[in-house]
C-alpha atoms as a PDB file:
ATOM      1  CA  MET A   1      81.941  36.785 148.565  1.00  0.00           C
ATOM      2  CA  ALA A   2      81.031  36.666 144.883  1.00  0.00           C
ATOM      3  CA  ARG A   3      78.857  39.768 145.325  1.00  0.00           C
ATOM      4  CA  LEU A   4      81.802  41.568 146.981  1.00  0.00           C
ATOM      5  CA  ASN A   5      84.115  40.666 144.092  1.00  0.00           C
ATOM      6  CA  LEU A   6      81.529  41.909 141.603  1.00  0.00           C
ATOM      7  CA  THR A   7      81.209  45.201 143.503  1.00  0.00           C
ATOM      8  CA  LEU A   8      84.993  45.656 143.495  1.00  0.00           C
ATOM      9  CA  LEU A   9      85.140  44.961 139.757  1.00  0.00           C
ATOM     10  CA  ILE A  10      82.422  47.573 139.127  1.00  0.00           C
ATOM     11  CA  ILE A  11      84.271  50.138 141.273  1.00  0.00           C
ATOM     12  CA  ILE A  12      87.537  49.459 139.435  1.00  0.00           C
ATOM     13  CA  PHE A  13      85.801  49.697 136.036  1.00  0.00           C
ATOM     14  CA  LEU A  14      84.120  52.997 136.914  1.00  0.00           C
ATOM     15  CA  SER A  15      87.395  54.400 138.236  1.00  0.00           C
ATOM     16  CA  LEU A  16      89.159  53.539 134.997  1.00  0.00           C
ATOM     17  CA  LEU A  17      86.286  54.979 132.960  1.00  0.00           C
ATOM     18  CA  PHE A  18      86.257  58.306 134.814  1.00  0.00           C
ATOM     19  CA  SER A  19      90.030  58.445 134.663  1.00  0.00           C
ATOM     20  CA  THR A  20      89.936  57.956 130.884  1.00  0.00           C
ATOM     21  CA  LEU A  21      87.245  60.603 130.462  1.00  0.00           C
ATOM     22  CA  ALA A  22      89.168  63.063 132.576  1.00  0.00           C
ATOM     23  CA  THR A  23      92.340  62.674 130.518  1.00  0.00           C
ATOM     24  CA  SER A  24      90.464  62.869 127.199  1.00  0.00           C
ATOM     25  CA  VAL A  25      88.342  65.920 128.002  1.00  0.00           C
ATOM     26  CA  LYS A  26      91.300  68.080 128.974  1.00  0.00           C
ATOM     27  CA  PRO A  27      93.237  67.632 125.697  1.00  0.00           C
ATOM     28  CA  LEU A  28      90.007  68.219 123.740  1.00  0.00           C
ATOM     29  CA  SER A  29      89.445  71.538 125.474  1.00  0.00           C
ATOM     30  CA  LEU A  30      93.061  72.468 124.861  1.00  0.00           C
ATOM     31  CA  VAL A  31      92.706  71.593 121.166  1.00  0.00           C
ATOM     32  CA  ARG A  32      89.585  73.739 120.894  1.00  0.00           C
ATOM     33  CA  HIS A  33      91.348  76.595 122.617  1.00  0.00           C
ATOM     34  CA  LYS A  34      94.341  76.264 120.308  1.00  0.00           C
ATOM     35  CA  ASN A  35      92.084  76.117 117.233  1.00  0.00           C
ATOM     36  CA  SER A  36      90.290  79.258 118.416  1.00  0.00           C
ATOM     37  CA  GLN A  37      93.606  81.073 118.846  1.00  0.00           C
ATOM     38  CA  THR A  38      94.777  79.928 115.408  1.00  0.00           C
ATOM     39  CA  MET A  39      91.514  81.085 113.820  1.00  0.00           C
ATOM     40  CA  THR A  40      91.866  84.487 115.475  1.00  0.00           C
ATOM     41  CA  TYR A  41      95.434  84.732 114.181  1.00  0.00           C
ATOM     42  CA  ILE A  42      94.351  83.820 110.639  1.00  0.00           C
ATOM     43  CA  GLU A  43      91.589  86.439 110.679  1.00  0.00           C
ATOM     44  CA  SER A  44      93.866  89.204 111.968  1.00  0.00           C
ATOM     45  CA  SER A  45      96.567  88.322 109.418  1.00  0.00           C
ATOM     46  CA  CYS A  46      94.093  88.275 106.530  1.00  0.00           C
ATOM     47  CA  ASN A  47      92.683  91.695 107.394  1.00  0.00           C
ATOM     48  CA  GLY A  48      95.545  93.423 105.599  1.00  0.00           C
ATOM     49  CA  THR A  49      95.058  91.537 102.325  1.00  0.00           C
ATOM     50  CA  LEU A  50      93.079  92.819  99.343  1.00  0.00           C
ATOM     51  CA  TYR A  51      90.634  89.913  99.652  1.00  0.00           C
ATOM     52  CA  PRO A  52      90.330  89.167 103.394  1.00  0.00           C
ATOM     53  CA  ASP A  53      87.204  86.993 103.204  1.00  0.00           C
ATOM     54  CA  LEU A  54      88.783  84.786 100.552  1.00  0.00           C
ATOM     55  CA  CYS A  55      92.001  84.668 102.559  1.00  0.00           C
ATOM     56  CA  ILE A  56      90.165  83.470 105.667  1.00  0.00           C
ATOM     57  CA  ARG A  57      88.166  80.858 103.725  1.00  0.00           C
ATOM     58  CA  CYS A  58      91.319  79.451 102.137  1.00  0.00           C
ATOM     59  CA  LEU A  59      93.330  79.255 105.354  1.00  0.00           C
ATOM     60  CA  THR A  60      90.529  77.984 107.607  1.00  0.00           C
ATOM     61  CA  GLN A  61      91.259  74.433 106.464  1.00  0.00           C
ATOM     62  CA  TYR A  62      94.674  74.745 108.120  1.00  0.00           C
ATOM     63  CA  VAL A  63      93.239  75.800 111.485  1.00  0.00           C
ATOM     64  CA  LYS A  64      94.064  72.380 112.975  1.00  0.00           C
ATOM     65  CA  SER A  65      97.594  72.484 111.584  1.00  0.00           C
ATOM     66  CA  ASN A  66     100.628  73.765 113.430  1.00  0.00           C
ATOM     67  CA  ILE A  67     100.568  77.410 112.296  1.00  0.00           C
ATOM     68  CA  ASN A  68     103.501  78.879 114.162  1.00  0.00           C
ATOM     69  CA  GLY A  69     103.624  82.507 113.107  1.00  0.00           C
ATOM     70  CA  PRO A  70     103.798  84.333 109.765  1.00  0.00           C
ATOM     71  CA  GLN A  71     106.213  81.833 108.190  1.00  0.00           C
ATOM     72  CA  HIS A  72     103.769  78.920 108.305  1.00  0.00           C
ATOM     73  CA  LEU A  73     100.860  81.142 107.320  1.00  0.00           C
ATOM     74  CA  ALA A  74     102.710  82.409 104.232  1.00  0.00           C
ATOM     75  CA  GLN A  75     103.706  78.878 103.252  1.00  0.00           C
ATOM     76  CA  TYR A  76     100.144  77.589 103.524  1.00  0.00           C
ATOM     77  CA  ALA A  77      98.865  80.561 101.514  1.00  0.00           C
ATOM     78  CA  LEU A  78     101.414  79.977  98.749  1.00  0.00           C
ATOM     79  CA  SER A  79     100.640  76.271  98.734  1.00  0.00           C
ATOM     80  CA  MET A  80      96.957  77.108  98.300  1.00  0.00           C
ATOM     81  CA  SER A  81      97.830  79.457  95.444  1.00  0.00           C
ATOM     82  CA  LEU A  82      99.708  76.691  93.617  1.00  0.00           C
ATOM     83  CA  SER A  83      96.841  74.268  94.235  1.00  0.00           C
ATOM     84  CA  ARG A  84      94.285  76.676  92.727  1.00  0.00           C
ATOM     85  CA  ALA A  85      96.542  77.340  89.729  1.00  0.00           C
ATOM     86  CA  LEU A  86      96.970  73.606  89.082  1.00  0.00           C
ATOM     87  CA  HIS A  87      93.221  73.029  89.346  1.00  0.00           C
ATOM     88  CA  THR A  88      92.490  75.891  86.936  1.00  0.00           C
ATOM     89  CA  ARG A  89      95.089  74.706  84.435  1.00  0.00           C
ATOM     90  CA  LYS A  90      93.543  71.227  84.462  1.00  0.00           C
ATOM     91  CA  TYR A  91      90.141  72.712  83.688  1.00  0.00           C
ATOM     92  CA  LEU A  92      91.550  74.948  80.950  1.00  0.00           C
ATOM     93  CA  LEU A  93      93.304  72.048  79.241  1.00  0.00           C
ATOM     94  CA  LYS A  94      90.022  70.142  79.196  1.00  0.00           C
ATOM     95  CA  VAL A  95      88.176  73.101  77.679  1.00  0.00           C
ATOM     96  CA  THR A  96      90.920  73.705  75.123  1.00  0.00           C
ATOM     97  CA  LYS A  97      90.726  70.092  73.991  1.00  0.00           C
ATOM     98  CA  GLU A  98      86.956  70.421  73.506  1.00  0.00           C
ATOM     99  CA  LEU A  99      87.245  73.728  71.662  1.00  0.00           C
ATOM    100  CA  LYS A 100      90.017  72.535  69.383  1.00  0.00           C
ATOM    101  CA  THR A 101      87.746  70.102  67.586  1.00  0.00           C
ATOM    102  CA  LYS A 102      85.086  72.797  67.142  1.00  0.00           C
ATOM    103  CA  ALA A 103      87.342  75.778  66.467  1.00  0.00           C
ATOM    104  CA  VAL A 104      87.018  75.594  62.697  1.00  0.00           C
ATOM    105  CA  LYS A 105      83.227  75.337  62.755  1.00  0.00           C
ATOM    106  CA  SER A 106      82.505  77.707  65.659  1.00  0.00           C
ATOM    107  CA  ASN A 107      84.300  80.540  67.429  1.00  0.00           C
ATOM    108  CA  LYS A 108      87.976  80.291  66.580  1.00  0.00           C
ATOM    109  CA  ARG A 109      88.694  83.538  68.455  1.00  0.00           C
ATOM    110  CA  GLU A 110      87.361  82.005  71.678  1.00  0.00           C
ATOM    111  CA  TYR A 111      89.676  79.030  71.223  1.00  0.00           C
ATOM    112  CA  LEU A 112      92.714  81.266  70.731  1.00  0.00           C
ATOM    113  CA  ILE A 113      91.890  83.329  73.827  1.00  0.00           C
ATOM    114  CA  VAL A 114      91.476  80.192  75.945  1.00  0.00           C
ATOM    115  CA  GLN A 115      94.707  78.755  74.542  1.00  0.00           C
ATOM    116  CA  ASP A 116      96.533  81.942  75.475  1.00  0.00           C
ATOM    117  CA  CYS A 117      95.018  81.747  78.936  1.00  0.00           C
ATOM    118  CA  VAL A 118      96.289  78.171  79.268  1.00  0.00           C
ATOM    119  CA  ASN A 119      99.807  79.409  78.561  1.00  0.00           C
ATOM    120  CA  GLN A 120      99.506  82.171  81.153  1.00  0.00           C
ATOM    121  CA  ILE A 121      98.132  79.915  83.902  1.00  0.00           C
ATOM    122  CA  THR A 122     100.748  77.290  83.060  1.00  0.00           C
ATOM    123  CA  HIS A 123     103.402  79.956  83.537  1.00  0.00           C
ATOM    124  CA  SER A 124     101.805  80.811  86.891  1.00  0.00           C
ATOM    125  CA  VAL A 125     102.054  77.149  87.879  1.00  0.00           C
ATOM    126  CA  ASP A 126     105.727  77.069  86.880  1.00  0.00           C
ATOM    127  CA  GLN A 127     106.472  80.225  88.876  1.00  0.00           C
ATOM    128  CA  LEU A 128     104.647  79.004  91.982  1.00  0.00           C
ATOM    129  CA  SER A 129     106.360  75.611  91.744  1.00  0.00           C
ATOM    130  CA  GLN A 130     109.694  77.435  91.805  1.00  0.00           C
ATOM    131  CA  VAL A 131     108.450  79.367  94.830  1.00  0.00           C
ATOM    132  CA  MET A 132     107.785  76.169  96.797  1.00  0.00           C
ATOM    133  CA  LYS A 133     111.309  74.929  96.036  1.00  0.00           C
ATOM    134  CA  GLU A 134     112.775  78.272  97.075  1.00  0.00           C
ATOM    135  CA  LEU A 135     110.801  78.191 100.323  1.00  0.00           C
ATOM    136  CA  ARG A 136     112.370  74.830 101.168  1.00  0.00           C
ATOM    137  CA  ARG A 137     115.812  76.324 100.583  1.00  0.00           C
ATOM    138  CA  LEU A 138     114.881  79.304 102.738  1.00  0.00           C
ATOM    139  CA  ASN A 139     113.620  77.064 105.541  1.00  0.00           C
ATOM    140  CA  LYS A 140     116.911  75.156 105.607  1.00  0.00           C
ATOM    141  CA  ARG A 141     118.695  78.383 106.477  1.00  0.00           C
ATOM    142  CA  GLY A 142     116.680  78.669 109.678  1.00  0.00           C
ATOM    143  CA  SER A 143     117.094  81.999 111.467  1.00  0.00           C
ATOM    144  CA  THR A 144     120.315  82.872 109.631  1.00  0.00           C
ATOM    145  CA  ILE A 145     120.026  86.291 107.989  1.00  0.00           C
ATOM    146  CA  ASN A 146     122.532  87.356 105.336  1.00  0.00           C
ATOM    147  CA  ASP A 147     122.634  88.440 101.701  1.00  0.00           C
ATOM    148  CA  ASP A 148     121.885  84.876 100.570  1.00  0.00           C
ATOM    149  CA  THR A 149     118.724  84.799 102.690  1.00  0.00           C
ATOM    150  CA  LEU A 150     117.545  88.096 101.222  1.00  0.00           C
ATOM    151  CA  TRP A 151     118.292  86.765  97.741  1.00  0.00           C
ATOM    152  CA  HIS A 152     115.984  83.765  98.330  1.00  0.00           C
ATOM    153  CA  ILE A 153     113.288  86.120  99.630  1.00  0.00           C
ATOM    154  CA  SER A 154     113.630  88.352  96.580  1.00  0.00           C
ATOM    155  CA  ASN A 155     113.291  85.313  94.297  1.00  0.00           C
ATOM    156  CA  VAL A 156     110.058  84.258  95.992  1.00  0.00           C
ATOM    157  CA  GLU A 157     108.571  87.750  95.748  1.00  0.00           C
ATOM    158  CA  THR A 158     109.545  88.066  92.071  1.00  0.00           C
ATOM    159  CA  TRP A 159     108.073  84.688  91.114  1.00  0.00           C
ATOM    160  CA  VAL A 160     104.841  85.190  93.043  1.00  0.00           C
ATOM    161  CA  SER A 161     104.432  88.646  91.482  1.00  0.00           C
ATOM    162  CA  THR A 162     104.960  87.146  88.028  1.00  0.00           C
ATOM    163  CA  ALA A 163     102.416  84.390  88.746  1.00  0.00           C
ATOM    164  CA  LEU A 164      99.932  87.068  89.829  1.00  0.00           C
ATOM    165  CA  THR A 165     100.538  89.073  86.638  1.00  0.00           C
ATOM    166  CA  ASP A 166     100.013  85.992  84.455  1.00  0.00           C
ATOM    167  CA  ALA A 167      96.761  85.016  86.176  1.00  0.00           C
ATOM    168  CA  SER A 168      95.504  88.613  85.935  1.00  0.00           C
ATOM    169  CA  SER A 169      96.387  88.716  82.224  1.00  0.00           C
ATOM    170  CA  CYS A 170      94.240  85.640  81.706  1.00  0.00           C
ATOM    171  CA  VAL A 171      91.315  87.388  83.421  1.00  0.00           C
ATOM    172  CA  TYR A 172      91.673  90.562  81.347  1.00  0.00           C
ATOM    173  CA  SER A 173      91.962  88.656  78.073  1.00  0.00           C
ATOM    174  CA  PHE A 174      88.245  87.869  78.131  1.00  0.00           C
ATOM    175  CA  PRO A 175      85.706  90.506  77.069  1.00  0.00           C
ATOM    176  CA  GLY A 176      83.520  91.965  79.755  1.00  0.00           C
ATOM    177  CA  HIS A 177      80.265  91.176  77.974  1.00  0.00           C
ATOM    178  CA  ARG A 178      78.609  88.558  75.774  1.00  0.00           C
ATOM    179  CA  MET A 179      80.677  85.735  77.234  1.00  0.00           C
ATOM    180  CA  SER A 180      79.570  82.143  76.949  1.00  0.00           C
ATOM    181  CA  LYS A 181      78.933  80.203  80.147  1.00  0.00           C
ATOM    182  CA  ARG A 182      82.194  78.341  79.601  1.00  0.00           C
ATOM    183  CA  THR A 183      84.382  81.413  79.145  1.00  0.00           C
ATOM    184  CA  SER A 184      82.652  83.058  82.090  1.00  0.00           C
ATOM    185  CA  THR A 185      83.621  80.058  84.250  1.00  0.00           C
ATOM    186  CA  ILE A 186      87.224  80.293  83.031  1.00  0.00           C
ATOM    187  CA  LYS A 187      87.353  83.979  83.914  1.00  0.00           C
ATOM    188  CA  VAL A 188      86.044  83.286  87.431  1.00  0.00           C
ATOM    189  CA  LYS A 189      88.594  80.517  87.990  1.00  0.00           C
ATOM    190  CA  ALA A 190      91.487  82.633  86.704  1.00  0.00           C
ATOM    191  CA  MET A 191      90.331  85.538  88.864  1.00  0.00           C
ATOM    192  CA  ASN A 192      90.308  83.224  91.872  1.00  0.00           C
ATOM    193  CA  VAL A 193      93.919  82.243  91.166  1.00  0.00           C
ATOM    194  CA  ALA A 194      94.896  85.905  90.896  1.00  0.00           C
ATOM    195  CA  GLU A 195      93.141  86.880  94.133  1.00  0.00           C
ATOM    196  CA  VAL A 196      94.507  83.942  96.144  1.00  0.00           C
ATOM    197  CA  THR A 197      97.997  84.681  94.808  1.00  0.00           C
ATOM    198  CA  SER A 198      97.645  88.359  95.703  1.00  0.00           C
ATOM    199  CA  ASN A 199      96.792  87.389  99.287  1.00  0.00           C
ATOM    200  CA  ALA A 200      99.695  84.935  99.446  1.00  0.00           C
ATOM    201  CA  LEU A 201     102.112  87.601  98.224  1.00  0.00           C
ATOM    202  CA  PHE A 202     100.970  89.977 100.959  1.00  0.00           C
ATOM    203  CA  LEU A 203     101.371  87.334 103.677  1.00  0.00           C
ATOM    204  CA  PHE A 204     104.823  86.369 102.430  1.00  0.00           C
ATOM    205  CA  GLN A 205     105.967  89.992 102.302  1.00  0.00           C
ATOM    206  CA  LYS A 206     104.702  90.436 105.850  1.00  0.00           C
ATOM    207  CA  TYR A 207     106.761  87.418 106.918  1.00  0.00           C
ATOM    208  CA  ALA A 208     109.828  88.560 104.930  1.00  0.00           C
ATOM    209  CA  SER A 209     109.715  92.079 106.392  1.00  0.00           C
ATOM    210  CA  ARG A 210     111.246  90.884 109.661  1.00  0.00           C
ATOM    211  CA  TYR A 211     114.305  89.598 107.799  1.00  0.00           C
ATOM    212  CA  ARG A 212     114.728  92.943 106.092  1.00  0.00           C
ATOM    213  CA  LYS A 213     114.367  94.813 109.396  1.00  0.00           C
ATOM    214  CA  VAL A 214     117.045  92.680 111.042  1.00  0.00           C
ATOM    215  CA  ALA A 215     119.305  93.030 107.991  1.00  0.00           C
ATOM    216  CA  THR A 216     118.870  96.820 108.080  1.00  0.00           C
ATOM    217  CA  ILE A 217     119.692  96.999 111.786  1.00  0.00           C
ATOM    218  CA  THR A 218     122.746  94.766 111.279  1.00  0.00           C
ATOM    219  CA  THR A 219     123.974  96.941 108.423  1.00  0.00           C
ATOM    220  CA  LYS A 220     123.641 100.124 110.486  1.00  0.00           C
ATOM    221  CA  LYS A 221     125.559  98.590 113.394  1.00  0.00           C
ATOM    222  CA  SER A 222     128.389  97.498 111.133  1.00  0.00           C
END
């Protein structure tokens, strides 16, 4: 009798185990399939950018997120742009602090260039911060398309373009030769901000184009 009870317990345990495995394997395969689809979507969307490889690398970290079309993709890209700008500004402020104490004794011109670059990247941060706020306002409007919606879209495009110009100005402010290791690093970081922002602008404009198409069709009908 005891052996029979033990056999029943083993059968019940194995049934529960296989049942658990069956329910866990299916969602895992679905997740992998969804991630593969998302990755394919990211790659196809990035192909139209000026820096597709960089675009894909930046957005790959969001492959497990709920990317539901061009809206989410543009938002993640702009969020990444702000993150890179903030990181670069933090580095620049550290370098500026170090150079300030040595500016009198060493290269004062280098200090002034870096200081100017700090101002430009800081302006990029301010512009991109405004963009994130404007995106929240735009999201609250949902699928509603009117002049107010287009105004929010225009604001985002203007601010992202300005942030891109500022980051690019920082890059071009450094000479193309005889740079120290430190200024070379700054130039690379500023260039990264500019390139990521350029990609984000493209993805947002791609997302915003559908609003403009609908608005154009609505205007013609009226």
